[in-house]
Amino acid sequence: MTEADDLTHNIHVLKELQRKAWFHLADPALTTFERRETRNQIKQTGAELRSYLEMMSERTRFRPRPVEQDATGGLGKFEFRLLGGD
């Protein structure tokens, strides 16, 4: 996997952890300690997710754009016309 794929995978995993933690937090059978630990997990994964999303944003923002080249070497084909001739 490339570094961008790793980053995308990590973002997906953290989003899934967040989703499961919020679902777990809705359980009325949780003790006070378990609720606190779940909220701490949500805060921690939220901070990690935020940093990964910032990294992804920076990479897409500063990614060099590919130069489009055709078969003639990149400049294309020029068409010249003579103007004003009788």
Protein backbone atom coordinates (compact mmCIF):
# COMPACT_ATOMS: atom_id res chain seq x y z
CA MET A 1 0.00 0.00 0.00
CA THR A 2 1.15 3.50 -0.70
CA GLU A 3 1.35 6.22 1.91
CA ALA A 4 -1.86 7.83 0.63
CA ASP A 5 -3.64 4.47 0.85
CA ASP A 6 -2.39 4.06 4.43
CA LEU A 7 -3.67 7.50 5.31
CA THR A 8 -7.06 6.80 3.75
CA HIS A 9 -7.24 3.46 5.56
CA ASN A 10 -6.35 5.07 8.91
CA ILE A 11 -9.03 7.72 8.41
CA HIS A 12 -11.60 5.03 7.65
CA VAL A 13 -10.60 2.99 10.73
CA LEU A 14 -10.79 6.03 13.02
CA LYS A 15 -14.21 6.99 11.66
CA GLU A 16 -15.42 3.46 12.33
CA LEU A 17 -14.01 3.57 15.88
CA GLN A 18 -15.80 6.85 16.46
CA ARG A 19 -19.07 5.41 15.18
CA LYS A 20 -18.80 2.33 17.40
CA ALA A 21 -17.83 4.40 20.44
CA TRP A 22 -20.84 6.70 20.05
CA PHE A 23 -23.07 3.64 19.63
CA HIS A 24 -21.52 2.10 22.76
CA LEU A 25 -22.00 5.32 24.70
CA ALA A 26 -25.76 5.12 24.08
CA ASP A 27 -25.95 1.87 26.07
CA PRO A 28 -27.91 2.59 29.28
CA ALA A 29 -26.19 -0.29 31.10
CA LEU A 30 -22.77 1.44 31.09
CA THR A 31 -21.24 2.38 34.41
CA THR A 32 -19.97 5.88 35.08
CA PHE A 33 -16.39 4.67 34.63
CA GLU A 34 -17.18 3.01 31.28
CA ARG A 35 -18.90 6.17 30.05
CA ARG A 36 -15.89 8.26 31.03
CA GLU A 37 -13.51 5.85 29.30
CA THR A 38 -15.67 5.81 26.17
CA ARG A 39 -15.78 9.62 26.07
CA ASN A 40 -11.99 9.70 26.48
CA GLN A 41 -11.66 7.27 23.58
CA ILE A 42 -13.92 9.48 21.46
CA LYS A 43 -11.79 12.54 22.28
CA GLN A 44 -8.53 10.70 21.54
CA THR A 45 -9.66 9.19 18.24
CA GLY A 46 -11.24 12.53 17.31
CA ALA A 47 -7.89 14.28 17.75
CA GLU A 48 -6.10 11.60 15.71
CA LEU A 49 -8.77 11.76 13.02
CA ARG A 50 -8.48 15.54 12.86
CA SER A 51 -4.71 15.34 12.38
CA TYR A 52 -5.03 12.69 9.66
CA LEU A 53 -7.68 14.74 7.86
CA GLU A 54 -5.40 17.80 8.01
CA MET A 55 -2.57 15.73 6.53
CA MET A 56 -4.87 14.50 3.75
CA SER A 57 -6.02 18.06 3.09
CA GLU A 58 -2.44 19.32 2.87
CA ARG A 59 -1.46 16.55 0.48
CA THR A 60 -4.36 17.19 -1.86
CA ARG A 61 -3.84 20.93 -1.66
CA PHE A 62 -0.14 20.87 -2.49
CA ARG A 63 -0.10 17.88 -4.82
CA PRO A 64 1.72 18.80 -8.01
CA ARG A 65 -0.65 18.70 -10.92
CA PRO A 66 0.42 16.45 -13.78
CA VAL A 67 1.44 18.25 -16.93
CA GLU A 68 -0.67 17.10 -19.82
CA GLN A 69 1.43 16.06 -22.76
CA ASP A 70 0.41 14.67 -26.06
CA ALA A 71 2.41 12.64 -28.55
CA THR A 72 4.23 15.73 -29.95
CA GLY A 73 6.20 16.37 -26.78
CA GLY A 74 3.85 18.54 -24.76
CA LEU A 75 3.43 21.66 -26.83
CA GLY A 76 0.77 20.31 -29.10
CA LYS A 77 0.39 21.04 -32.76
CA PHE A 78 0.48 24.60 -33.98
CA GLU A 79 -1.63 25.69 -36.90
CA PHE A 80 -0.26 28.68 -38.80
CA ARG A 81 -2.38 30.82 -41.11
CA LEU A 82 -1.35 33.56 -43.46
CA LEU A 83 -3.50 36.64 -43.07
CA GLY A 84 -4.24 39.47 -45.46
CA GLY A 85 -3.19 37.81 -48.67
CA ASP A 86 -5.16 38.59 -51.90
